[in-house]
C-alpha atoms as a PDB file:
ATOM      1  CA  MET A   1      -9.185   5.489 -17.992  1.00  0.00           C
ATOM      2  CA  ASN A   2      -8.315   5.048 -14.331  1.00  0.00           C
ATOM      3  CA  ASN A   3      -9.240   8.022 -12.144  1.00  0.00           C
ATOM      4  CA  ASP A   4      -8.719   6.138  -8.894  1.00  0.00           C
ATOM      5  CA  ALA A   5      -5.191   7.055  -7.736  1.00  0.00           C
ATOM      6  CA  ILE A   6      -5.423   4.711  -4.753  1.00  0.00           C
ATOM      7  CA  SER A   7      -5.840   1.742  -7.119  1.00  0.00           C
ATOM      8  CA  THR A   8      -2.911   2.872  -9.241  1.00  0.00           C
ATOM      9  CA  ALA A   9      -0.288   2.425  -6.488  1.00  0.00           C
ATOM     10  CA  PRO A  10      -1.135  -1.197  -5.529  1.00  0.00           C
ATOM     11  CA  ALA A  11      -1.525  -2.171  -9.197  1.00  0.00           C
ATOM     12  CA  ALA A  12       1.810  -0.596 -10.152  1.00  0.00           C
ATOM     13  CA  ILE A  13       3.637  -2.185  -7.214  1.00  0.00           C
ATOM     14  CA  GLY A  14       2.101  -5.602  -7.924  1.00  0.00           C
ATOM     15  CA  ASN A  15       2.932  -5.434 -11.642  1.00  0.00           C
ATOM     16  CA  ALA A  16       6.502  -4.283 -10.967  1.00  0.00           C
ATOM     17  CA  ASN A  17       6.940  -7.120  -8.455  1.00  0.00           C
ATOM     18  CA  THR A  18       5.814  -9.630 -11.067  1.00  0.00           C
ATOM     19  CA  ARG A  19       8.329  -8.223 -13.574  1.00  0.00           C
ATOM     20  CA  ARG A  20      11.024  -8.020 -10.836  1.00  0.00           C
ATOM     21  CA  LYS A  21      11.684  -4.328 -11.399  1.00  0.00           C
ATOM     22  CA  GLY A  22      14.056  -2.624  -8.985  1.00  0.00           C
ATOM     23  CA  MET A  23      12.299   0.734  -8.901  1.00  0.00           C
ATOM     24  CA  ILE A  24       8.983   2.124 -10.106  1.00  0.00           C
ATOM     25  CA  ARG A  25       7.501   5.594 -10.385  1.00  0.00           C
ATOM     26  CA  ILE A  26       3.871   6.151  -9.377  1.00  0.00           C
ATOM     27  CA  PRO A  27       1.724   9.310  -9.490  1.00  0.00           C
ATOM     28  CA  ALA A  28       2.027  11.360  -6.297  1.00  0.00           C
ATOM     29  CA  THR A  29      -1.019  11.975  -4.147  1.00  0.00           C
ATOM     30  CA  LYS A  30      -1.230  12.240  -0.378  1.00  0.00           C
ATOM     31  CA  MET A  31      -2.877   8.823  -0.212  1.00  0.00           C
ATOM     32  CA  THR A  32      -0.330   7.015  -2.399  1.00  0.00           C
ATOM     33  CA  ALA A  33       2.527   8.679  -0.500  1.00  0.00           C
ATOM     34  CA  CYS A  34       1.073   7.394   2.787  1.00  0.00           C
ATOM     35  CA  ILE A  35       0.562   3.886   1.356  1.00  0.00           C
ATOM     36  CA  VAL A  36       4.201   3.800   0.219  1.00  0.00           C
ATOM     37  CA  GLN A  37       5.389   5.190   3.579  1.00  0.00           C
ATOM     38  CA  ILE A  38       3.434   2.563   5.543  1.00  0.00           C
ATOM     39  CA  SER A  39       4.726  -0.184   3.225  1.00  0.00           C
ATOM     40  CA  ALA A  40       8.285   1.003   3.870  1.00  0.00           C
ATOM     41  CA  GLU A  41       7.747   1.176   7.652  1.00  0.00           C
ATOM     42  CA  GLU A  42       6.348  -2.373   7.639  1.00  0.00           C
ATOM     43  CA  GLY A  43       9.290  -3.601   5.548  1.00  0.00           C
ATOM     44  CA  PHE A  44       7.461  -4.478   2.329  1.00  0.00           C
ATOM     45  CA  VAL A  45       9.413  -1.964   0.188  1.00  0.00           C
ATOM     46  CA  GLU A  46      12.907  -0.505   0.576  1.00  0.00           C
ATOM     47  CA  GLY A  47      11.719   3.092   0.549  1.00  0.00           C
ATOM     48  CA  ALA A  48      10.704   5.973  -1.675  1.00  0.00           C
ATOM     49  CA  VAL A  49      12.345   9.131  -2.932  1.00  0.00           C
ATOM     50  CA  ARG A  50      10.308  12.028  -4.314  1.00  0.00           C
ATOM     51  CA  HIS A  51      11.268  12.948  -7.860  1.00  0.00           C
ATOM     52  CA  LYS A  52      10.078  16.007  -9.789  1.00  0.00           C
ATOM     53  CA  ASP A  53       9.559  15.658 -13.534  1.00  0.00           C
ATOM     54  CA  ASN A  54       8.046  18.428 -15.697  1.00  0.00           C
ATOM     55  CA  GLY A  55       6.589  20.149 -12.631  1.00  0.00           C
ATOM     56  CA  LYS A  56       4.878  16.996 -11.321  1.00  0.00           C
ATOM     57  CA  GLU A  57       6.016  14.960  -8.325  1.00  0.00           C
ATOM     58  CA  PHE A  58       6.442  11.204  -8.465  1.00  0.00           C
ATOM     59  CA  PRO A  59       7.652   8.933  -5.680  1.00  0.00           C
ATOM     60  CA  ASP A  60      10.313   6.524  -6.943  1.00  0.00           C
ATOM     61  CA  VAL A  61       9.593   3.346  -4.967  1.00  0.00           C
ATOM     62  CA  SER A  62      12.448   0.869  -4.438  1.00  0.00           C
ATOM     63  CA  LEU A  63      11.064  -2.661  -4.273  1.00  0.00           C
ATOM     64  CA  LYS A  64      12.414  -5.371  -1.990  1.00  0.00           C
ATOM     65  CA  TYR A  65      13.395  -8.877  -3.117  1.00  0.00           C
ATOM     66  CA  LEU A  66      14.651 -12.042  -1.408  1.00  0.00           C
ATOM     67  CA  GLY A  67      17.797 -13.960  -2.350  1.00  0.00           C
ATOM     68  CA  LYS A  68      19.672 -14.283  -5.608  1.00  0.00           C
ATOM     69  CA  LYS A  69      16.565 -15.378  -7.496  1.00  0.00           C
ATOM     70  CA  LYS A  70      14.963 -12.030  -6.644  1.00  0.00           C
ATOM     71  CA  ASP A  71      11.790 -13.557  -5.247  1.00  0.00           C
ATOM     72  CA  PRO A  72       9.300 -10.738  -4.558  1.00  0.00           C
ATOM     73  CA  TYR A  73       8.989  -9.749  -0.891  1.00  0.00           C
ATOM     74  CA  ILE A  74       5.358  -8.783  -1.490  1.00  0.00           C
ATOM     75  CA  ALA A  75       3.371 -11.908  -2.358  1.00  0.00           C
ATOM     76  CA  ALA A  76       0.243  -9.915  -3.213  1.00  0.00           C
ATOM     77  CA  ILE A  77      -1.193  -6.443  -2.838  1.00  0.00           C
ATOM     78  CA  ARG A  78      -4.950  -6.102  -3.283  1.00  0.00           C
ATOM     79  CA  ARG A  79      -7.302  -3.133  -3.433  1.00  0.00           C
ATOM     80  CA  ILE A  80     -10.290  -3.949  -1.221  1.00  0.00           C
ATOM     81  CA  SER A  81     -12.542  -0.897  -1.088  1.00  0.00           C
ATOM     82  CA  LYS A  82     -13.281   0.368  -4.591  1.00  0.00           C
ATOM     83  CA  PRO A  83     -15.228   3.387  -5.872  1.00  0.00           C
ATOM     84  CA  GLY A  84     -18.149   1.120  -6.813  1.00  0.00           C
ATOM     85  CA  LEU A  85     -18.115  -0.888  -3.580  1.00  0.00           C
ATOM     86  CA  ARG A  86     -16.796   0.710  -0.410  1.00  0.00           C
ATOM     87  CA  VAL A  87     -15.834  -1.642   2.427  1.00  0.00           C
ATOM     88  CA  TYR A  88     -15.930  -0.288   5.985  1.00  0.00           C
ATOM     89  CA  SER A  89     -15.004  -2.044   9.198  1.00  0.00           C
ATOM     90  CA  ASP A  90     -15.229  -1.488  12.927  1.00  0.00           C
ATOM     91  CA  HIS A  91     -11.957  -1.860  14.870  1.00  0.00           C
ATOM     92  CA  ARG A  92     -13.144  -5.251  16.158  1.00  0.00           C
ATOM     93  CA  GLU A  93     -13.913  -6.536  12.654  1.00  0.00           C
ATOM     94  CA  ILE A  94     -10.704  -5.486  10.866  1.00  0.00           C
ATOM     95  CA  PRO A  95      -9.303  -8.696   9.372  1.00  0.00           C
ATOM     96  CA  LYS A  96      -5.896 -10.098  10.277  1.00  0.00           C
ATOM     97  CA  ILE A  97      -4.063 -10.770   7.043  1.00  0.00           C
ATOM     98  CA  LEU A  98      -2.349 -14.191   7.082  1.00  0.00           C
ATOM     99  CA  GLY A  99      -2.556 -14.326  10.855  1.00  0.00           C
ATOM    100  CA  GLY A 100      -0.719 -11.013  11.250  1.00  0.00           C
ATOM    101  CA  MET A 101       1.991 -11.577   8.614  1.00  0.00           C
ATOM    102  CA  GLY A 102       0.349  -9.104   6.228  1.00  0.00           C
ATOM    103  CA  ILE A 103      -1.247  -5.716   6.773  1.00  0.00           C
ATOM    104  CA  ALA A 104      -4.510  -3.980   5.969  1.00  0.00           C
ATOM    105  CA  ILE A 105      -4.293  -0.236   5.335  1.00  0.00           C
ATOM    106  CA  SER A 106      -7.246   1.909   6.401  1.00  0.00           C
ATOM    107  CA  PRO A 107      -7.864   5.617   5.914  1.00  0.00           C
ATOM    108  CA  THR A 108      -9.366   6.804   9.215  1.00  0.00           C
ATOM    109  CA  SER A 109     -10.110  10.077  10.944  1.00  0.00           C
ATOM    110  CA  GLN A 110      -6.513   9.979  12.255  1.00  0.00           C
ATOM    111  CA  GLY A 111      -4.893   9.407   8.859  1.00  0.00           C
ATOM    112  CA  LEU A 112      -3.834   6.193   7.167  1.00  0.00           C
ATOM    113  CA  VAL A 113      -3.154   3.417   9.672  1.00  0.00           C
ATOM    114  CA  THR A 114      -2.371  -0.292   9.570  1.00  0.00           C
ATOM    115  CA  ASP A 115      -4.758  -2.906  10.942  1.00  0.00           C
ATOM    116  CA  ARG A 116      -2.675  -3.275  14.120  1.00  0.00           C
ATOM    117  CA  GLU A 117      -2.703   0.487  14.803  1.00  0.00           C
ATOM    118  CA  ALA A 118      -6.457   0.672  14.159  1.00  0.00           C
ATOM    119  CA  ARG A 119      -7.135  -2.129  16.651  1.00  0.00           C
ATOM    120  CA  HIS A 120      -4.801  -0.553  19.213  1.00  0.00           C
ATOM    121  CA  LYS A 121      -6.344   2.940  18.850  1.00  0.00           C
ATOM    122  CA  LYS A 122      -9.845   1.410  18.602  1.00  0.00           C
ATOM    123  CA  ILE A 123     -10.744   3.241  15.405  1.00  0.00           C
ATOM    124  CA  GLY A 124     -12.466   1.823  12.358  1.00  0.00           C
ATOM    125  CA  GLY A 125     -12.734   3.007   8.812  1.00  0.00           C
ATOM    126  CA  GLU A 126     -12.576   2.033   5.183  1.00  0.00           C
ATOM    127  CA  ILE A 127     -10.352  -0.941   4.330  1.00  0.00           C
ATOM    128  CA  SER A 128      -8.248   0.420   1.477  1.00  0.00           C
ATOM    129  CA  CYS A 129      -5.887  -2.456   0.634  1.00  0.00           C
ATOM    130  CA  HIS A 130      -4.231  -5.642   1.896  1.00  0.00           C
ATOM    131  CA  ILE A 131      -0.508  -6.366   1.553  1.00  0.00           C
ATOM    132  CA  TRP A 132       1.074  -9.738   2.252  1.00  0.00           C
END
């Protein structure tokens, strides 16, 4: 049983990308909503619409594809810091994903930020996931 909601969102998005699904529904938490919002702002997903089903909220995430073959826009999405092994980084040590083509998402004292924002604001934190 998976009690880690932060792992659920990247796994669901990655699996849906592999199956070339147009839209997926993931469990709503503040963290997953922020991950989806950042992914949409960075252009990795089309967007998300909140949907209520049986009193529970779920963001419906529209995935983005390239061309007629529907090649996935997201090549990979990986969970880095896990409940059994937390990974923290100073703002100077935050990795650049594919030379800046991808992003690293970090929960910090100022909310969830991308690697570029963390370097610019000079704040470090836990490295939650990488998207490229």
